[in-house]
């Protein structure tokens, strides 16, 4: 392990742990919330992981309700 990675991970004291967030998932979450709420990129990037995921869940829940309420809507 490089010296930098040891410092980021806390040296040899901790094993495992996340160093970063998967970029593909981050882009997907940001795009999803931005598309539905029209929030700017800068505002979405200020959200922490858990808060951003919560907004994704809420948008999905709202979409599910709308889709089930409309006869013939795609699911």
PDB file of N, CA and C in Angstrom:
ATOM      1  N   UNK A   1       0.850  -1.171   0.000  1.00  0.00           N
ATOM      2  CA  UNK A   1       0.000   0.000   0.000  1.00  0.00           C
ATOM      3  C   UNK A   1       0.896   1.235   0.000  1.00  0.00           C
ATOM      4  N   UNK A   2       0.539   2.231  -0.819  1.00  0.00           N
ATOM      5  CA  UNK A   2       1.350   3.448  -0.887  1.00  0.00           C
ATOM      6  C   UNK A   2       1.250   4.228   0.421  1.00  0.00           C
ATOM      7  N   UNK A   3       2.206   5.111   0.631  1.00  0.00           N
ATOM      8  CA  UNK A   3       2.217   5.934   1.848  1.00  0.00           C
ATOM      9  C   UNK A   3       0.950   6.795   1.924  1.00  0.00           C
ATOM     10  N   UNK A   4       0.551   7.374   0.782  1.00  0.00           N
ATOM     11  CA  UNK A   4      -0.644   8.217   0.752  1.00  0.00           C
ATOM     12  C   UNK A   4      -1.877   7.419   1.146  1.00  0.00           C
ATOM     13  N   UNK A   5      -2.037   6.231   0.571  1.00  0.00           N
ATOM     14  CA  UNK A   5      -3.208   5.415   0.899  1.00  0.00           C
ATOM     15  C   UNK A   5      -3.206   5.024   2.369  1.00  0.00           C
ATOM     16  N   UNK A   6      -2.037   4.747   2.934  1.00  0.00           N
ATOM     17  CA  UNK A   6      -1.969   4.422   4.357  1.00  0.00           C
ATOM     18  C   UNK A   6      -2.453   5.596   5.193  1.00  0.00           C
ATOM     19  N   UNK A   7      -2.041   6.812   4.807  1.00  0.00           N
ATOM     20  CA  UNK A   7      -2.456   7.996   5.556  1.00  0.00           C
ATOM     21  C   UNK A   7      -3.952   8.225   5.435  1.00  0.00           C
ATOM     22  N   UNK A   8      -4.502   8.038   4.259  1.00  0.00           N
ATOM     23  CA  UNK A   8      -5.941   8.235   4.052  1.00  0.00           C
ATOM     24  C   UNK A   8      -6.732   7.215   4.853  1.00  0.00           C
ATOM     25  N   UNK A   9      -6.277   5.987   4.856  1.00  0.00           N
ATOM     26  CA  UNK A   9      -7.002   4.906   5.517  1.00  0.00           C
ATOM     27  C   UNK A   9      -6.683   4.813   6.999  1.00  0.00           C
ATOM     28  N   UNK A  10      -5.811   5.656   7.510  1.00  0.00           N
ATOM     29  CA  UNK A  10      -5.487   5.605   8.927  1.00  0.00           C
ATOM     30  C   UNK A  10      -4.345   4.664   9.245  1.00  0.00           C
ATOM     31  N   UNK A  11      -3.452   4.462   8.295  1.00  0.00           N
ATOM     32  CA  UNK A  11      -2.307   3.590   8.519  1.00  0.00           C
ATOM     33  C   UNK A  11      -2.731   2.141   8.609  1.00  0.00           C
ATOM     34  N   UNK A  12      -2.083   1.403   9.460  1.00  0.00           N
ATOM     35  CA  UNK A  12      -2.389  -0.014   9.623  1.00  0.00           C
ATOM     36  C   UNK A  12      -3.411  -0.255  10.724  1.00  0.00           C
ATOM     37  N   UNK A  13      -3.960   0.803  11.294  1.00  0.00           N
ATOM     38  CA  UNK A  13      -4.917   0.657  12.395  1.00  0.00           C
ATOM     39  C   UNK A  13      -6.253   0.124  11.916  1.00  0.00           C
ATOM     40  N   UNK A  14      -6.682   0.504  10.710  1.00  0.00           N
ATOM     41  CA  UNK A  14      -7.987   0.086  10.195  1.00  0.00           C
ATOM     42  C   UNK A  14      -7.808  -0.766   8.963  1.00  0.00           C
ATOM     43  N   UNK A  15      -8.643  -1.745   8.847  1.00  0.00           N
ATOM     44  CA  UNK A  15      -8.620  -2.593   7.666  1.00  0.00           C
ATOM     45  C   UNK A  15      -9.904  -2.345   6.888  1.00  0.00           C
ATOM     46  N   UNK A  16      -9.779  -2.166   5.572  1.00  0.00           N
ATOM     47  CA  UNK A  16     -10.954  -1.951   4.729  1.00  0.00           C
ATOM     48  C   UNK A  16     -11.424  -0.514   4.796  1.00  0.00           C
ATOM     49  N   UNK A  17     -12.674  -0.309   4.457  1.00  0.00           N
ATOM     50  CA  UNK A  17     -13.243   1.027   4.462  1.00  0.00           C
ATOM     51  C   UNK A  17     -13.271   1.613   3.068  1.00  0.00           C
ATOM     52  N   UNK A  18     -14.173   2.532   2.858  1.00  0.00           N
ATOM     53  CA  UNK A  18     -14.332   3.154   1.548  1.00  0.00           C
ATOM     54  C   UNK A  18     -13.451   4.387   1.459  1.00  0.00           C
ATOM     55  N   UNK A  19     -12.711   4.477   0.386  1.00  0.00           N
ATOM     56  CA  UNK A  19     -11.891   5.661   0.142  1.00  0.00           C
ATOM     57  C   UNK A  19     -12.682   6.664  -0.672  1.00  0.00           C
ATOM     58  N   UNK A  20     -13.513   6.193  -1.574  1.00  0.00           N
ATOM     59  CA  UNK A  20     -14.288   7.085  -2.411  1.00  0.00           C
ATOM     60  C   UNK A  20     -15.645   6.488  -2.719  1.00  0.00           C
ATOM     61  N   UNK A  21     -16.424   7.241  -3.430  1.00  0.00           N
ATOM     62  CA  UNK A  21     -17.761   6.820  -3.821  1.00  0.00           C
ATOM     63  C   UNK A  21     -17.692   6.422  -5.285  1.00  0.00           C
ATOM     64  N   UNK A  22     -18.322   5.318  -5.690  1.00  0.00           N
ATOM     65  CA  UNK A  22     -18.239   4.904  -7.096  1.00  0.00           C
ATOM     66  C   UNK A  22     -18.729   6.015  -8.030  1.00  0.00           C
ATOM     67  N   UNK A  23     -17.871   6.494  -8.930  1.00  0.00           N
ATOM     68  CA  UNK A  23     -18.229   7.622  -9.789  1.00  0.00           C
ATOM     69  C   UNK A  23     -19.490   7.390 -10.611  1.00  0.00           C
ATOM     70  N   UNK A  24     -19.685   6.191 -11.138  1.00  0.00           N
ATOM     71  CA  UNK A  24     -20.878   5.920 -11.943  1.00  0.00           C
ATOM     72  C   UNK A  24     -22.150   6.086 -11.119  1.00  0.00           C
ATOM     73  N   UNK A  25     -22.122   5.627  -9.879  1.00  0.00           N
ATOM     74  CA  UNK A  25     -23.297   5.752  -9.019  1.00  0.00           C
ATOM     75  C   UNK A  25     -23.534   7.216  -8.643  1.00  0.00           C
ATOM     76  N   UNK A  26     -22.470   7.948  -8.387  1.00  0.00           N
ATOM     77  CA  UNK A  26     -22.595   9.366  -8.064  1.00  0.00           C
ATOM     78  C   UNK A  26     -23.232  10.128  -9.223  1.00  0.00           C
ATOM     79  N   UNK A  27     -22.739   9.904 -10.443  1.00  0.00           N
ATOM     80  CA  UNK A  27     -23.295  10.572 -11.616  1.00  0.00           C
ATOM     81  C   UNK A  27     -24.771  10.205 -11.800  1.00  0.00           C
ATOM     82  N   UNK A  28     -25.104   8.939 -11.605  1.00  0.00           N
ATOM     83  CA  UNK A  28     -26.489   8.497 -11.771  1.00  0.00           C
ATOM     84  C   UNK A  28     -27.408   9.176 -10.758  1.00  0.00           C
ATOM     85  N   UNK A  29     -26.996   9.225  -9.500  1.00  0.00           N
ATOM     86  CA  UNK A  29     -27.816   9.863  -8.469  1.00  0.00           C
ATOM     87  C   UNK A  29     -27.982  11.353  -8.742  1.00  0.00           C
ATOM     88  N   UNK A  30     -26.900  12.029  -9.072  1.00  0.00           N
ATOM     89  CA  UNK A  30     -26.959  13.472  -9.332  1.00  0.00           C
ATOM     90  C   UNK A  30     -27.839  13.754 -10.543  1.00  0.00           C
ATOM     91  N   UNK A  31     -27.677  12.990 -11.612  1.00  0.00           N
ATOM     92  CA  UNK A  31     -28.480  13.195 -12.816  1.00  0.00           C
ATOM     93  C   UNK A  31     -29.963  12.957 -12.538  1.00  0.00           C
ATOM     94  N   UNK A  32     -30.267  11.938 -11.773  1.00  0.00           N
ATOM     95  CA  UNK A  32     -31.655  11.591 -11.462  1.00  0.00           C
ATOM     96  C   UNK A  32     -32.350  12.710 -10.704  1.00  0.00           C
ATOM     97  N   UNK A  33     -31.699  13.204  -9.651  1.00  0.00           N
ATOM     98  CA  UNK A  33     -32.292  14.277  -8.846  1.00  0.00           C
ATOM     99  C   UNK A  33     -32.328  15.578  -9.649  1.00  0.00           C
ATOM    100  N   UNK A  34     -31.275  15.879 -10.388  1.00  0.00           N
ATOM    101  CA  UNK A  34     -31.239  17.106 -11.192  1.00  0.00           C
ATOM    102  C   UNK A  34     -32.349  17.102 -12.236  1.00  0.00           C
ATOM    103  N   UNK A  35     -32.564  15.965 -12.865  1.00  0.00           N
ATOM    104  CA  UNK A  35     -33.597  15.851 -13.899  1.00  0.00           C
ATOM    105  C   UNK A  35     -34.986  16.128 -13.318  1.00  0.00           C
ATOM    106  N   UNK A  36     -35.269  15.585 -12.169  1.00  0.00           N
ATOM    107  CA  UNK A  36     -36.607  15.713 -11.596  1.00  0.00           C
ATOM    108  C   UNK A  36     -36.838  17.018 -10.833  1.00  0.00           C
ATOM    109  N   UNK A  37     -35.814  17.528 -10.162  1.00  0.00           N
ATOM    110  CA  UNK A  37     -35.989  18.733  -9.347  1.00  0.00           C
ATOM    111  C   UNK A  37     -35.375  19.980  -9.977  1.00  0.00           C
ATOM    112  N   UNK A  38     -34.565  19.807 -11.030  1.00  0.00           N
ATOM    113  CA  UNK A  38     -33.907  20.930 -11.707  1.00  0.00           C
ATOM    114  C   UNK A  38     -32.975  21.699 -10.770  1.00  0.00           C
ATOM    115  N   UNK A  39     -32.361  20.963  -9.856  1.00  0.00           N
ATOM    116  CA  UNK A  39     -31.387  21.577  -8.956  1.00  0.00           C
ATOM    117  C   UNK A  39     -30.053  21.690  -9.684  1.00  0.00           C
ATOM    118  N   UNK A  40     -29.282  22.743  -9.425  1.00  0.00           N
ATOM    119  CA  UNK A  40     -27.979  22.893 -10.083  1.00  0.00           C
ATOM    120  C   UNK A  40     -26.955  21.882  -9.554  1.00  0.00           C
ATOM    121  N   UNK A  41     -25.995  21.564 -10.398  1.00  0.00           N
ATOM    122  CA  UNK A  41     -24.936  20.617 -10.066  1.00  0.00           C
ATOM    123  C   UNK A  41     -24.254  20.979  -8.747  1.00  0.00           C
ATOM    124  N   UNK A  42     -23.931  22.249  -8.568  1.00  0.00           N
ATOM    125  CA  UNK A  42     -23.207  22.680  -7.361  1.00  0.00           C
ATOM    126  C   UNK A  42     -24.001  22.360  -6.090  1.00  0.00           C
ATOM    127  N   UNK A  43     -25.313  22.541  -6.149  1.00  0.00           N
ATOM    128  CA  UNK A  43     -26.142  22.248  -4.982  1.00  0.00           C
ATOM    129  C   UNK A  43     -26.193  20.745  -4.712  1.00  0.00           C
ATOM    130  N   UNK A  44     -26.315  19.953  -5.761  1.00  0.00           N
ATOM    131  CA  UNK A  44     -26.377  18.502  -5.592  1.00  0.00           C
ATOM    132  C   UNK A  44     -25.065  17.933  -5.063  1.00  0.00           C
ATOM    133  N   UNK A  45     -23.950  18.502  -5.474  1.00  0.00           N
ATOM    134  CA  UNK A  45     -22.657  18.000  -5.024  1.00  0.00           C
ATOM    135  C   UNK A  45     -22.375  18.347  -3.569  1.00  0.00           C
ATOM    136  N   UNK A  46     -23.120  19.294  -3.011  1.00  0.00           N
ATOM    137  CA  UNK A  46     -22.962  19.632  -1.595  1.00  0.00           C
ATOM    138  C   UNK A  46     -23.689  18.641  -0.686  1.00  0.00           C
ATOM    139  N   UNK A  47     -24.609  17.857  -1.248  1.00  0.00           N
ATOM    140  CA  UNK A  47     -25.324  16.873  -0.443  1.00  0.00           C
ATOM    141  C   UNK A  47     -24.391  15.732  -0.078  1.00  0.00           C
ATOM    142  N   UNK A  48     -24.506  15.237   1.155  1.00  0.00           N
ATOM    143  CA  UNK A  48     -23.713  14.062   1.480  1.00  0.00           C
ATOM    144  C   UNK A  48     -24.390  12.825   0.894  1.00  0.00           C
ATOM    145  N   UNK A  49     -23.681  11.736   0.920  1.00  0.00           N
ATOM    146  CA  UNK A  49     -24.133  10.496   0.287  1.00  0.00           C
ATOM    147  C   UNK A  49     -25.527  10.079   0.773  1.00  0.00           C
ATOM    148  N   UNK A  50     -25.736  10.042   2.068  1.00  0.00           N
ATOM    149  CA  UNK A  50     -27.018   9.574   2.607  1.00  0.00           C
ATOM    150  C   UNK A  50     -28.169  10.496   2.232  1.00  0.00           C
ATOM    151  N   UNK A  51     -27.937  11.793   2.263  1.00  0.00           N
ATOM    152  CA  UNK A  51     -28.999  12.734   1.900  1.00  0.00           C
ATOM    153  C   UNK A  51     -29.339  12.624   0.416  1.00  0.00           C
ATOM    154  N   UNK A  52     -28.315  12.478  -0.433  1.00  0.00           N
ATOM    155  CA  UNK A  52     -28.549  12.329  -1.872  1.00  0.00           C
ATOM    156  C   UNK A  52     -29.327  11.041  -2.158  1.00  0.00           C
ATOM    157  N   UNK A  53     -28.962   9.960  -1.489  1.00  0.00           N
ATOM    158  CA  UNK A  53     -29.687   8.702  -1.678  1.00  0.00           C
ATOM    159  C   UNK A  53     -31.134   8.831  -1.219  1.00  0.00           C
ATOM    160  N   UNK A  54     -31.353   9.586  -0.155  1.00  0.00           N
ATOM    161  CA  UNK A  54     -32.725   9.786   0.337  1.00  0.00           C
ATOM    162  C   UNK A  54     -33.561  10.523  -0.694  1.00  0.00           C
ATOM    163  N   UNK A  55     -32.992  11.536  -1.359  1.00  0.00           N
ATOM    164  CA  UNK A  55     -33.718  12.252  -2.405  1.00  0.00           C
ATOM    165  C   UNK A  55     -34.009  11.340  -3.589  1.00  0.00           C
ATOM    166  N   UNK A  56     -33.062  10.479  -3.937  1.00  0.00           N
ATOM    167  CA  UNK A  56     -33.280   9.521  -5.023  1.00  0.00           C
ATOM    168  C   UNK A  56     -34.460   8.609  -4.670  1.00  0.00           C
ATOM    169  N   UNK A  57     -34.500   8.120  -3.433  1.00  0.00           N
ATOM    170  CA  UNK A  57     -35.601   7.255  -3.002  1.00  0.00           C
ATOM    171  C   UNK A  57     -36.945   7.986  -3.049  1.00  0.00           C
ATOM    172  N   UNK A  58     -36.958   9.238  -2.634  1.00  0.00           N
ATOM    173  CA  UNK A  58     -38.205  10.010  -2.636  1.00  0.00           C
ATOM    174  C   UNK A  58     -38.706  10.256  -4.059  1.00  0.00           C
ATOM    175  N   UNK A  59     -37.799  10.603  -4.973  1.00  0.00           N
ATOM    176  CA  UNK A  59     -38.201  10.811  -6.367  1.00  0.00           C
ATOM    177  C   UNK A  59     -38.753   9.514  -6.940  1.00  0.00           C
ATOM    178  N   UNK A  60     -38.101   8.399  -6.654  1.00  0.00           N
ATOM    179  CA  UNK A  60     -38.573   7.097  -7.147  1.00  0.00           C
ATOM    180  C   UNK A  60     -39.955   6.770  -6.587  1.00  0.00           C
ATOM    181  N   UNK A  61     -40.172   7.082  -5.323  1.00  0.00           N
ATOM    182  CA  UNK A  61     -41.481   6.834  -4.692  1.00  0.00           C
ATOM    183  C   UNK A  61     -42.561   7.682  -5.349  1.00  0.00           C
ATOM    184  N   UNK A  62     -42.268   8.943  -5.579  1.00  0.00           N
ATOM    185  CA  UNK A  62     -43.220   9.843  -6.233  1.00  0.00           C
ATOM    186  C   UNK A  62     -43.519   9.347  -7.647  1.00  0.00           C
ATOM    187  N   UNK A  63     -42.491   8.980  -8.392  1.00  0.00           N
ATOM    188  CA  UNK A  63     -42.694   8.457  -9.749  1.00  0.00           C
ATOM    189  C   UNK A  63     -43.541   7.192  -9.730  1.00  0.00           C
ATOM    190  N   UNK A  64     -43.302   6.331  -8.758  1.00  0.00           N
ATOM    191  CA  UNK A  64     -44.092   5.105  -8.644  1.00  0.00           C
ATOM    192  C   UNK A  64     -45.562   5.397  -8.418  1.00  0.00           C
ATOM    193  N   UNK A  65     -45.850   6.355  -7.546  1.00  0.00           N
ATOM    194  CA  UNK A  65     -47.247   6.743  -7.286  1.00  0.00           C
ATOM    195  C   UNK A  65     -47.898   7.308  -8.540  1.00  0.00           C
ATOM    196  N   UNK A  66     -47.173   8.170  -9.244  1.00  0.00           N
ATOM    197  CA  UNK A  66     -47.716   8.783 -10.457  1.00  0.00           C
ATOM    198  C   UNK A  66     -47.978   7.721 -11.526  1.00  0.00           C
ATOM    199  N   UNK A  67     -47.016   6.840 -11.726  1.00  0.00           N
ATOM    200  CA  UNK A  67     -47.163   5.797 -12.747  1.00  0.00           C
ATOM    201  C   UNK A  67     -48.305   4.846 -12.449  1.00  0.00           C
ATOM    202  N   UNK A  68     -48.538   4.549 -11.205  1.00  0.00           N
ATOM    203  CA  UNK A  68     -49.622   3.636 -10.842  1.00  0.00           C
ATOM    204  C   UNK A  68     -50.983   4.327 -10.892  1.00  0.00           C
ATOM    205  N   UNK A  69     -50.985   5.651 -10.790  1.00  0.00           N
ATOM    206  CA  UNK A  69     -52.238   6.389 -10.827  1.00  0.00           C
ATOM    207  C   UNK A  69     -52.733   6.639 -12.239  1.00  0.00           C
ATOM    208  N   UNK A  70     -51.831   6.568 -13.223  1.00  0.00           N
ATOM    209  CA  UNK A  70     -52.194   6.854 -14.613  1.00  0.00           C
ATOM    210  C   UNK A  70     -52.495   5.542 -15.337  1.00  0.00           C
ATOM    211  N   UNK A  71     -53.725   5.386 -15.810  1.00  0.00           N
ATOM    212  CA  UNK A  71     -54.044   4.171 -16.555  1.00  0.00           C
ATOM    213  C   UNK A  71     -53.172   4.052 -17.817  1.00  0.00           C
ATOM    214  N   UNK A  72     -52.601   2.876 -18.014  1.00  0.00           N
ATOM    215  CA  UNK A  72     -51.796   2.629 -19.203  1.00  0.00           C
ATOM    216  C   UNK A  72     -50.390   3.162 -19.141  1.00  0.00           C
ATOM    217  N   UNK A  73     -49.981   3.719 -17.994  1.00  0.00           N
ATOM    218  CA  UNK A  73     -48.627   4.261 -17.885  1.00  0.00           C
ATOM    219  C   UNK A  73     -47.621   3.115 -17.868  1.00  0.00           C
ATOM    220  N   UNK A  74     -46.470   3.396 -18.434  1.00  0.00           N
ATOM    221  CA  UNK A  74     -45.400   2.390 -18.417  1.00  0.00           C
ATOM    222  C   UNK A  74     -44.873   2.224 -17.007  1.00  0.00           C
ATOM    223  N   UNK A  75     -44.543   1.019 -16.645  1.00  0.00           N
ATOM    224  CA  UNK A  75     -43.984   0.790 -15.296  1.00  0.00           C
ATOM    225  C   UNK A  75     -42.542   0.452 -15.395  1.00  0.00           C
TER     226      UNK A  75
END
